[in-house]
N, C-alpha and C. Protein backbone atom coordinates (compact mmCIF):
# COMPACT_ATOMS: atom_id res chain seq x y z
N UNK A 1 43.78 -18.42 -17.38
CA UNK A 1 42.67 -18.86 -18.01
C UNK A 1 41.59 -19.48 -17.30
N UNK A 2 42.20 -20.70 -16.83
CA UNK A 2 41.04 -21.61 -16.13
C UNK A 2 40.68 -20.58 -14.95
N UNK A 3 41.68 -19.94 -14.36
CA UNK A 3 41.00 -19.31 -13.21
C UNK A 3 39.82 -18.22 -13.60
N UNK A 4 39.78 -17.75 -14.44
CA UNK A 4 38.71 -16.77 -14.95
C UNK A 4 37.47 -17.73 -15.17
N UNK A 5 37.59 -18.68 -15.90
CA UNK A 5 36.46 -19.44 -16.09
C UNK A 5 35.92 -19.99 -14.62
N UNK A 6 36.72 -20.60 -14.03
CA UNK A 6 36.39 -20.98 -12.53
C UNK A 6 35.74 -19.87 -11.83
N UNK A 7 36.22 -18.52 -11.80
CA UNK A 7 35.71 -17.45 -11.11
C UNK A 7 34.15 -17.10 -11.75
N UNK A 8 33.98 -16.99 -13.20
CA UNK A 8 32.81 -16.72 -13.77
C UNK A 8 31.65 -17.71 -13.31
N UNK A 9 32.26 -19.02 -13.32
CA UNK A 9 31.32 -20.21 -13.07
C UNK A 9 30.65 -20.03 -11.73
N UNK A 10 31.77 -19.65 -10.63
CA UNK A 10 31.49 -19.44 -9.13
C UNK A 10 30.36 -18.12 -8.95
N UNK A 11 30.73 -17.03 -9.80
CA UNK A 11 29.91 -15.90 -9.79
C UNK A 11 28.55 -16.25 -10.32
N UNK A 12 28.34 -17.01 -11.27
CA UNK A 12 27.17 -17.52 -11.86
C UNK A 12 26.39 -18.10 -10.71
N UNK A 13 26.90 -19.16 -10.15
CA UNK A 13 26.22 -19.96 -8.95
C UNK A 13 25.85 -19.24 -7.87
N UNK A 14 26.76 -18.19 -7.65
CA UNK A 14 26.14 -17.33 -6.44
C UNK A 14 25.00 -16.41 -6.94
N UNK A 15 25.08 -16.10 -8.35
CA UNK A 15 24.00 -15.44 -8.58
C UNK A 15 22.61 -16.16 -8.52
N UNK A 16 22.81 -17.31 -8.79
CA UNK A 16 21.64 -18.14 -8.88
C UNK A 16 21.09 -18.31 -7.44
N UNK A 17 22.07 -18.53 -6.49
CA UNK A 17 21.92 -18.88 -5.18
C UNK A 17 21.16 -17.37 -4.49
N UNK A 18 21.72 -16.41 -4.82
CA UNK A 18 21.23 -14.88 -4.58
C UNK A 18 19.72 -14.85 -4.78
N UNK A 19 19.40 -15.14 -6.23
CA UNK A 19 18.19 -15.02 -6.54
C UNK A 19 17.19 -16.21 -5.70
N UNK A 20 17.50 -17.24 -5.61
CA UNK A 20 16.74 -18.33 -4.74
C UNK A 20 16.38 -17.85 -3.34
N UNK A 21 17.71 -16.95 -3.04
CA UNK A 21 17.45 -16.81 -1.22
C UNK A 21 16.62 -15.49 -1.49
N UNK A 22 16.56 -14.60 -2.38
CA UNK A 22 15.64 -13.42 -2.46
C UNK A 22 14.21 -13.94 -2.54
N UNK A 23 13.91 -14.81 -3.68
CA UNK A 23 12.70 -15.29 -3.79
C UNK A 23 11.99 -15.94 -2.47
N UNK A 24 12.92 -16.86 -1.72
CA UNK A 24 12.43 -17.48 -0.69
C UNK A 24 12.17 -16.47 0.46
N UNK A 25 13.09 -15.42 0.57
CA UNK A 25 12.68 -14.62 1.35
C UNK A 25 11.35 -13.76 1.22
N UNK A 26 10.99 -13.35 -0.12
CA UNK A 26 9.89 -12.80 -0.36
C UNK A 26 8.85 -13.71 -0.11
N UNK A 27 8.71 -15.14 -0.59
CA UNK A 27 7.67 -15.95 -0.47
C UNK A 27 7.65 -16.16 1.05
N UNK A 28 8.59 -16.32 2.04
CA UNK A 28 8.08 -16.62 3.22
C UNK A 28 7.45 -15.32 4.05
N UNK A 29 8.10 -14.33 3.63
CA UNK A 29 7.57 -13.10 4.17
C UNK A 29 6.21 -12.76 3.87
N UNK A 30 5.88 -13.03 2.63
CA UNK A 30 4.44 -12.94 2.11
C UNK A 30 3.46 -13.95 3.10
N UNK A 31 3.89 -15.31 2.87
CA UNK A 31 2.96 -16.11 3.76
C UNK A 31 2.82 -15.74 5.23
N UNK A 32 4.02 -15.09 5.83
CA UNK A 32 3.75 -14.96 6.86
C UNK A 32 2.82 -13.55 7.21
N UNK A 33 2.83 -12.59 6.24
CA UNK A 33 1.94 -11.56 6.54
C UNK A 33 0.69 -12.04 6.20
N UNK A 34 0.25 -12.92 5.40
CA UNK A 34 -0.83 -13.52 5.15
C UNK A 34 -1.69 -14.15 6.40
N UNK A 35 -0.57 -14.92 7.10
CA UNK A 35 -1.08 -15.55 8.19
C UNK A 35 -1.38 -14.88 9.27
N UNK A 36 -0.60 -13.67 9.42
CA UNK A 36 -0.77 -12.65 10.39
C UNK A 36 -2.12 -12.00 10.20
N UNK A 37 -2.51 -11.52 8.96
CA UNK A 37 -3.71 -10.93 8.43
C UNK A 37 -4.74 -11.93 9.02
N UNK A 38 -4.81 -13.05 8.62
CA UNK A 38 -5.89 -13.78 8.91
C UNK A 38 -6.19 -14.05 10.49
N UNK A 39 -5.12 -14.20 11.17
CA UNK A 39 -5.29 -14.08 12.60
C UNK A 39 -5.83 -12.98 13.45
N UNK A 40 -5.24 -11.94 12.62
CA UNK A 40 -5.78 -10.72 13.37
C UNK A 40 -7.20 -10.45 12.97
N UNK A 41 -7.70 -10.83 11.80
CA UNK A 41 -9.14 -10.47 11.37
C UNK A 41 -10.08 -11.68 12.11
N UNK A 42 -9.30 -12.91 12.41
CA UNK A 42 -10.33 -13.79 13.18
C UNK A 42 -10.56 -13.38 14.56
N UNK A 43 -9.49 -12.43 15.18
CA UNK A 43 -9.69 -12.12 16.46
C UNK A 43 -10.36 -10.84 16.50
N UNK A 44 -10.29 -9.67 15.52
CA UNK A 44 -10.74 -8.58 15.64
C UNK A 44 -12.29 -8.41 15.12
N UNK A 45 -12.58 -9.26 14.12
CA UNK A 45 -14.09 -9.29 13.74
C UNK A 45 -14.97 -9.51 15.09
N UNK A 46 -14.98 -10.56 15.74
CA UNK A 46 -15.95 -10.58 16.83
C UNK A 46 -15.87 -9.56 17.82
N UNK A 47 -14.61 -9.03 18.32
CA UNK A 47 -14.51 -8.05 19.02
C UNK A 47 -15.08 -6.76 18.48
N UNK A 48 -14.88 -6.34 17.34
CA UNK A 48 -15.39 -5.16 16.80
C UNK A 48 -16.98 -5.30 16.54
N UNK A 49 -17.48 -6.47 16.31
CA UNK A 49 -18.84 -6.70 16.56
C UNK A 49 -19.78 -6.30 17.61
N UNK A 50 -19.10 -7.13 18.72
CA UNK A 50 -19.40 -7.03 19.97
C UNK A 50 -19.27 -5.37 20.63
N UNK A 51 -18.18 -4.89 20.24
CA UNK A 51 -17.97 -3.32 20.70
C UNK A 51 -18.93 -2.47 20.03
N UNK A 52 -18.82 -2.42 18.84
CA UNK A 52 -19.46 -1.37 17.87
C UNK A 52 -21.10 -1.72 17.59
N UNK A 53 -21.16 -2.83 17.49
CA UNK A 53 -22.72 -3.42 17.09
C UNK A 53 -22.77 -3.68 15.65
N UNK A 54 -23.80 -4.34 15.33
CA UNK A 54 -23.67 -4.83 13.61
C UNK A 54 -24.06 -3.54 12.91
N UNK A 55 -24.37 -2.51 13.03
CA UNK A 55 -24.85 -1.35 12.39
C UNK A 55 -23.46 -0.68 12.30
N UNK A 56 -23.11 -0.25 13.08
CA UNK A 56 -21.63 0.56 13.24
C UNK A 56 -20.81 -0.23 12.74
N UNK A 57 -20.43 -1.54 12.86
CA UNK A 57 -19.51 -2.07 12.44
C UNK A 57 -19.54 -2.48 11.08
N UNK A 58 -20.87 -2.56 10.26
CA UNK A 58 -20.91 -2.56 9.16
C UNK A 58 -20.56 -1.28 8.18
N UNK A 59 -20.97 -0.02 8.96
CA UNK A 59 -20.47 1.10 8.37
C UNK A 59 -18.85 1.17 8.23
N UNK A 60 -18.32 0.49 9.53
CA UNK A 60 -16.80 0.67 9.41
C UNK A 60 -16.31 -0.18 8.27
N UNK A 61 -17.03 -1.28 8.01
CA UNK A 61 -16.55 -2.41 6.79
C UNK A 61 -16.60 -1.67 5.64
N UNK A 62 -17.43 -0.77 5.33
CA UNK A 62 -17.98 -0.37 4.14
C UNK A 62 -16.75 1.02 4.02
N UNK A 63 -16.61 1.76 5.03
CA UNK A 63 -15.46 2.70 4.95
C UNK A 63 -14.11 2.20 4.67
N UNK A 64 -13.67 1.02 5.38
CA UNK A 64 -12.38 0.21 5.13
C UNK A 64 -12.27 -0.33 3.60
N UNK A 65 -13.54 -0.70 2.98
CA UNK A 65 -13.50 -1.24 1.78
C UNK A 65 -13.11 -0.33 0.73
N UNK A 66 -13.42 1.06 1.08
CA UNK A 66 -13.15 2.16 0.40
C UNK A 66 -11.74 2.44 0.12
N UNK A 67 -10.87 1.99 1.20
CA UNK A 67 -9.55 2.32 1.21
C UNK A 67 -8.74 1.41 0.08
N UNK A 68 -9.36 0.23 -0.38
CA UNK A 68 -8.84 -0.51 -1.29
C UNK A 68 -8.78 0.44 -2.87
N UNK A 69 -10.06 1.08 -2.99
CA UNK A 69 -9.96 1.90 -4.26
C UNK A 69 -9.05 3.22 -3.94
N UNK A 70 -8.91 3.64 -2.91
CA UNK A 70 -7.93 4.65 -2.67
C UNK A 70 -6.63 4.50 -2.90
N UNK A 71 -6.27 3.17 -2.58
CA UNK A 71 -4.87 2.88 -2.52
C UNK A 71 -4.51 2.64 -4.21
N UNK A 72 -5.32 2.69 -5.09
CA UNK A 72 -5.17 2.50 -6.48
C UNK A 72 -4.95 4.04 -7.17
N UNK A 73 -5.20 4.99 -6.15
CA UNK A 73 -5.20 6.37 -6.72
C UNK A 73 -3.67 6.80 -7.24
N UNK A 74 -2.67 5.88 -7.39
CA UNK A 74 -1.17 6.29 -7.74
C UNK A 74 -1.41 6.17 -9.22
N UNK A 75 -2.36 5.86 -10.10
CA UNK A 75 -2.42 5.81 -11.43
C UNK A 75 -1.43 4.97 -11.97
N UNK A 76 -0.99 3.90 -11.41
CA UNK A 76 -0.03 3.02 -12.03
C UNK A 76 1.51 3.60 -11.80
N UNK A 77 1.65 4.53 -11.20
CA UNK A 77 2.97 5.05 -10.85
C UNK A 77 3.74 3.98 -10.10
N UNK A 78 3.27 3.57 -9.04
CA UNK A 78 3.97 2.46 -8.14
C UNK A 78 4.35 1.32 -9.22
N UNK A 79 3.35 0.67 -10.00
CA UNK A 79 3.91 -0.37 -10.79
C UNK A 79 4.96 0.14 -11.85
N UNK A 80 4.83 1.36 -12.17
CA UNK A 80 5.94 1.94 -13.24
C UNK A 80 7.19 2.18 -12.63
N UNK A 81 7.26 2.58 -11.28
CA UNK A 81 8.35 2.60 -10.68
C UNK A 81 9.01 1.36 -10.44
N UNK A 82 8.27 0.14 -10.15
CA UNK A 82 8.87 -1.19 -9.70
C UNK A 82 9.42 -1.59 -11.06
N UNK A 83 8.83 -1.40 -12.33
CA UNK A 83 9.38 -1.80 -13.44
C UNK A 83 10.65 -1.00 -13.99
N UNK A 84 10.52 0.32 -13.90
CA UNK A 84 11.74 0.91 -14.18
C UNK A 84 13.16 0.89 -13.37
N UNK A 85 12.87 0.64 -12.10
CA UNK A 85 13.99 0.31 -11.06
C UNK A 85 14.34 -1.12 -11.40
N UNK A 86 13.46 -2.09 -11.88
CA UNK A 86 14.03 -3.55 -12.11
C UNK A 86 14.83 -3.35 -13.23
N UNK A 87 14.51 -2.50 -14.41
CA UNK A 87 15.16 -2.46 -15.72
C UNK A 87 16.72 -1.73 -15.66
N UNK A 88 16.94 -0.90 -14.46
CA UNK A 88 18.22 -0.33 -14.50
C UNK A 88 18.98 -0.84 -13.13
N UNK A 89 20.25 -0.84 -13.54
CA UNK A 89 21.09 -1.13 -12.32
C UNK A 89 21.87 -0.09 -11.75
N UNK A 90 21.80 1.16 -12.29
CA UNK A 90 22.59 2.29 -11.67
C UNK A 90 21.71 2.86 -10.52
N UNK A 91 22.59 2.99 -9.40
CA UNK A 91 21.75 3.31 -8.28
C UNK A 91 21.36 4.83 -8.17
N UNK A 92 21.98 5.68 -8.98
CA UNK A 92 21.50 7.00 -9.21
C UNK A 92 20.43 7.16 -10.16
N UNK A 93 20.29 6.10 -11.01
CA UNK A 93 18.91 6.13 -11.82
C UNK A 93 17.86 5.59 -10.85
N UNK A 94 18.18 4.71 -9.76
CA UNK A 94 17.06 4.29 -9.02
C UNK A 94 16.51 5.62 -8.08
N UNK A 95 17.59 6.21 -7.60
CA UNK A 95 17.11 7.49 -6.83
C UNK A 95 16.31 8.40 -7.44
N UNK A 96 16.79 8.73 -8.96
CA UNK A 96 16.09 9.84 -9.61
C UNK A 96 14.86 9.23 -9.85
N UNK A 97 14.29 7.75 -10.33
CA UNK A 97 13.27 7.25 -10.48
C UNK A 97 12.05 7.42 -9.17
N UNK A 98 12.91 7.00 -8.28
CA UNK A 98 11.96 6.96 -6.87
C UNK A 98 11.70 8.60 -6.42
N UNK A 99 12.65 9.44 -6.62
CA UNK A 99 12.48 10.72 -6.24
C UNK A 99 11.18 11.37 -7.00
N UNK A 100 11.05 11.07 -8.22
CA UNK A 100 10.03 11.56 -9.25
C UNK A 100 8.95 10.92 -9.12
N UNK A 101 8.95 9.83 -8.68
CA UNK A 101 7.57 9.00 -8.47
C UNK A 101 7.02 9.51 -7.22
N UNK A 102 7.75 9.49 -6.24
CA UNK A 102 7.20 10.18 -4.92
C UNK A 102 6.66 11.54 -4.89
N UNK A 103 7.50 12.46 -5.65
CA UNK A 103 7.08 13.70 -6.07
C UNK A 103 5.74 13.75 -6.73
N UNK A 104 5.50 12.85 -7.56
CA UNK A 104 4.27 12.94 -8.53
C UNK A 104 3.08 12.61 -7.55
N UNK A 105 3.44 11.33 -7.00
CA UNK A 105 2.25 10.75 -6.07
C UNK A 105 1.86 11.73 -4.86
N UNK A 106 2.83 12.44 -4.42
CA UNK A 106 2.53 13.47 -3.06
C UNK A 106 1.70 14.63 -3.88
N UNK A 107 2.05 14.99 -4.80
CA UNK A 107 1.19 16.17 -5.37
C UNK A 107 -0.09 15.73 -5.90
N UNK A 108 -0.32 14.29 -6.42
CA UNK A 108 -1.69 13.94 -6.55
C UNK A 108 -2.36 13.61 -5.21
N UNK A 109 -1.57 13.25 -4.19
CA UNK A 109 -2.52 13.15 -2.93
C UNK A 109 -2.75 14.29 -2.25
N UNK A 110 -2.08 15.43 -2.42
CA UNK A 110 -2.22 16.75 -1.92
C UNK A 110 -3.62 17.32 -2.74
N UNK A 111 -3.43 17.24 -4.15
CA UNK A 111 -4.63 17.61 -4.64
C UNK A 111 -5.69 16.98 -4.42
N UNK A 112 -5.65 15.68 -4.10
CA UNK A 112 -6.88 14.74 -3.77
C UNK A 112 -7.51 15.11 -2.45
N UNK A 113 -6.72 15.59 -1.55
CA UNK A 113 -6.97 15.72 -0.05
C UNK A 113 -7.64 17.25 -0.14
N UNK A 114 -7.12 17.90 -0.97
CA UNK A 114 -7.66 19.40 -0.92
C UNK A 114 -9.20 19.21 -1.53
N UNK A 115 -9.33 18.56 -2.54
CA UNK A 115 -10.65 18.18 -3.22
C UNK A 115 -11.56 17.55 -2.25
N UNK A 116 -10.95 16.70 -1.50
CA UNK A 116 -11.98 16.14 -0.37
C UNK A 116 -12.39 17.15 0.79
N UNK A 117 -11.68 18.14 0.93
CA UNK A 117 -11.82 19.00 1.78
C UNK A 117 -12.84 20.09 1.52
N UNK A 118 -12.78 20.39 0.02
CA UNK A 118 -13.79 21.46 -0.41
C UNK A 118 -15.05 20.58 -0.61
N UNK A 119 -15.02 19.51 -1.09
CA UNK A 119 -16.40 18.60 -1.24
C UNK A 119 -16.85 18.55 0.22
N UNK A 120 -16.17 18.23 1.41
CA UNK A 120 -16.66 18.09 2.66
C UNK A 120 -17.31 19.45 2.94
N UNK A 121 -17.13 20.55 2.68
CA UNK A 121 -17.48 21.84 3.13
C UNK A 121 -18.58 22.35 2.12
N UNK A 122 -18.40 21.82 0.94
CA UNK A 122 -19.65 22.17 0.11
C UNK A 122 -20.88 21.20 0.31
N UNK A 123 -20.48 19.93 0.48
CA UNK A 123 -21.65 18.90 0.68
C UNK A 123 -21.34 18.26 2.07
N UNK A 124 -21.99 18.91 3.22
CA UNK A 124 -21.82 18.42 4.44
C UNK A 124 -22.32 16.84 4.64
N UNK A 125 -23.38 16.53 3.79
CA UNK A 125 -24.04 15.25 3.79
C UNK A 125 -23.26 14.18 2.99
N UNK A 126 -22.05 14.44 2.74
CA UNK A 126 -21.41 13.69 1.49
C UNK A 126 -21.34 12.20 1.93
N UNK A 127 -21.24 11.96 3.35
CA UNK A 127 -21.06 10.80 3.94
C UNK A 127 -22.42 9.62 3.84
N UNK A 128 -23.13 10.46 2.98
CA UNK A 128 -24.41 9.55 2.58
C UNK A 128 -24.19 8.52 1.41
N UNK A 129 -23.00 8.74 0.96
CA UNK A 129 -22.78 7.74 0.02
C UNK A 129 -22.35 6.42 0.55
N UNK A 130 -22.27 6.46 1.57
CA UNK A 130 -22.31 5.04 2.37
C UNK A 130 -23.58 4.40 2.53
N UNK A 131 -24.71 4.93 2.09
CA UNK A 131 -25.76 4.12 2.18
C UNK A 131 -26.74 4.71 3.38
N UNK A 132 -27.80 4.26 3.48
CA UNK A 132 -28.74 4.65 4.73
C UNK A 132 -28.09 4.32 6.02
N UNK A 133 -27.86 5.43 6.55
CA UNK A 133 -27.21 5.39 7.86
C UNK A 133 -27.96 6.00 9.01
N UNK A 134 -28.41 5.26 10.10
CA UNK A 134 -29.15 5.74 11.05
C UNK A 134 -28.70 7.41 11.55
N UNK A 135 -29.70 7.97 11.82
CA UNK A 135 -29.36 9.41 12.12
C UNK A 135 -28.27 9.58 13.22
N UNK A 136 -28.38 8.81 14.15
CA UNK A 136 -27.24 8.89 15.15
C UNK A 136 -25.94 8.58 14.94
N UNK A 137 -25.83 7.92 13.98
CA UNK A 137 -24.57 7.49 13.33
C UNK A 137 -24.06 8.22 12.16
N UNK A 138 -24.84 9.12 11.54
CA UNK A 138 -24.32 9.97 10.34
C UNK A 138 -23.06 10.76 10.37
N UNK A 139 -23.19 11.42 11.73
CA UNK A 139 -22.09 12.55 11.84
C UNK A 139 -20.98 11.98 12.04
N UNK A 140 -20.74 10.62 12.95
CA UNK A 140 -19.82 9.86 13.29
C UNK A 140 -19.10 9.28 11.90
N UNK A 141 -19.97 8.77 10.96
CA UNK A 141 -19.66 8.13 9.73
C UNK A 141 -19.18 9.01 8.80
N UNK A 142 -19.81 10.21 8.83
CA UNK A 142 -19.08 11.12 7.95
C UNK A 142 -17.43 11.78 8.31
N UNK A 143 -17.51 11.71 9.61
CA UNK A 143 -15.94 12.26 10.31
C UNK A 143 -15.20 11.05 10.02
N UNK A 144 -15.70 9.70 10.21
CA UNK A 144 -14.59 8.44 10.14
C UNK A 144 -14.22 8.54 8.56
N UNK A 145 -15.15 8.66 7.55
CA UNK A 145 -14.95 8.55 6.12
C UNK A 145 -14.03 9.82 5.75
N UNK A 146 -14.22 10.95 6.36
CA UNK A 146 -13.28 12.12 6.04
C UNK A 146 -11.78 11.73 6.54
N UNK A 147 -11.82 11.24 7.69
CA UNK A 147 -10.46 11.20 8.30
C UNK A 147 -9.73 9.80 7.69
N UNK A 148 -10.36 8.76 7.35
CA UNK A 148 -9.81 7.60 6.53
C UNK A 148 -9.45 8.04 5.46
N UNK A 149 -10.20 8.87 4.60
CA UNK A 149 -9.66 9.22 3.31
C UNK A 149 -8.50 9.98 3.32
N UNK A 150 -8.60 11.13 4.18
CA UNK A 150 -7.11 12.01 4.42
C UNK A 150 -5.96 11.24 4.88
N UNK A 151 -6.26 10.42 5.86
CA UNK A 151 -5.14 9.63 6.16
C UNK A 151 -4.49 8.53 5.03
N UNK A 152 -5.28 8.19 4.32
CA UNK A 152 -5.08 7.10 3.36
C UNK A 152 -4.50 7.82 2.08
N UNK A 153 -4.82 9.09 1.98
CA UNK A 153 -3.97 9.88 0.70
C UNK A 153 -2.83 10.44 1.13
N UNK A 154 -2.45 10.66 2.61
CA UNK A 154 -1.43 11.02 3.17
C UNK A 154 -0.34 9.99 3.03
N UNK A 155 -0.78 8.59 3.28
CA UNK A 155 -0.01 7.54 3.29
C UNK A 155 0.36 7.14 1.77
N UNK A 156 -0.28 7.57 0.83
CA UNK A 156 -0.07 7.14 -0.60
C UNK A 156 1.44 7.24 -1.14
N UNK A 157 1.76 8.55 -0.76
CA UNK A 157 3.23 8.56 -1.46
C UNK A 157 4.29 7.46 -0.98
N UNK A 158 3.91 6.98 0.36
CA UNK A 158 4.95 5.92 1.03
C UNK A 158 4.91 4.71 0.23
N UNK A 159 3.60 4.44 -0.46
CA UNK A 159 3.54 3.21 -1.09
C UNK A 159 4.45 2.91 -2.16
N UNK A 160 5.31 4.13 -2.68
CA UNK A 160 6.14 4.08 -3.80
C UNK A 160 7.40 3.28 -3.32
N UNK A 161 7.76 3.64 -2.15
CA UNK A 161 8.82 2.79 -1.50
C UNK A 161 8.67 1.44 -1.72
N UNK A 162 7.59 0.91 -1.36
CA UNK A 162 7.26 -0.72 -1.39
C UNK A 162 7.24 -1.09 -2.84
N UNK A 163 7.00 0.02 -3.80
CA UNK A 163 7.19 -0.63 -5.14
C UNK A 163 8.68 -0.63 -5.55
N UNK A 164 9.62 0.48 -4.99
CA UNK A 164 10.74 0.23 -5.27
C UNK A 164 11.72 -0.88 -4.73
N UNK A 165 11.04 -1.22 -3.28
CA UNK A 165 11.67 -2.46 -3.02
C UNK A 165 11.27 -3.78 -3.83
N UNK A 166 10.08 -3.79 -4.41
CA UNK A 166 9.76 -4.85 -5.55
C UNK A 166 10.48 -5.02 -6.58
N UNK A 167 10.97 -3.44 -7.32
CA UNK A 167 11.83 -3.51 -8.38
C UNK A 167 13.23 -3.94 -7.76
N UNK A 168 13.60 -3.74 -6.72
CA UNK A 168 15.14 -4.27 -6.32
C UNK A 168 14.72 -5.59 -6.07
N UNK A 169 13.99 -6.36 -6.14
CA UNK A 169 13.54 -7.82 -5.68
C UNK A 169 13.91 -7.95 -4.14
N UNK A 170 13.55 -7.02 -3.32
CA UNK A 170 13.48 -6.94 -2.04
C UNK A 170 12.20 -6.63 -1.18
N UNK A 171 11.51 -7.48 -1.69
CA UNK A 171 10.05 -7.54 -1.25
C UNK A 171 9.67 -8.07 0.15
N UNK A 172 10.68 -8.79 0.81
CA UNK A 172 10.69 -9.01 2.21
C UNK A 172 10.70 -7.81 3.19
N UNK A 173 11.44 -6.83 2.74
CA UNK A 173 11.42 -5.51 3.57
C UNK A 173 10.08 -4.89 3.57
N UNK A 174 8.98 -5.20 2.56
CA UNK A 174 7.76 -4.69 2.58
C UNK A 174 6.82 -5.25 3.84
N UNK A 175 7.13 -6.35 4.37
CA UNK A 175 6.51 -6.92 5.15
C UNK A 175 6.83 -6.70 6.72
N UNK A 176 7.96 -5.76 6.83
CA UNK A 176 8.41 -5.49 8.40
C UNK A 176 7.40 -4.52 9.00
């Protein structure tokens, strides 16, 4: 009887230690990712300005800011995946949730890619949504915008795996 109490107490202590370890791994990996991002931006912005010039670099910044909006195209499926995985302990349920989520976001991404390609062919000057662009940069800006949109939409289903890691409290894997 005393052995069972000692064993359950030991398991409880180990559970607390594992949660602390998981929390610290996530915290450290997140701060490391932020530090790397800051360093890369401090180095790449002056290089980009020098290489592209202020006009082309500002077009690039506008295009990359659009990425933030495109990454939200999963319609909350990533957050739902994370929550559902966190609420369940069965690995078979985890796989089912992950599979369905990836399938839904993949179909959504493919539909958005097809819509983007159709819009590009119907409205060749759709790149003008970026604002007033010098004539010599319009074609390059439209091509860059199209490429970034399509590549981001192709990458969108992979973000569900990141949500699954969050649900499993393994966020440090997202930073690799």
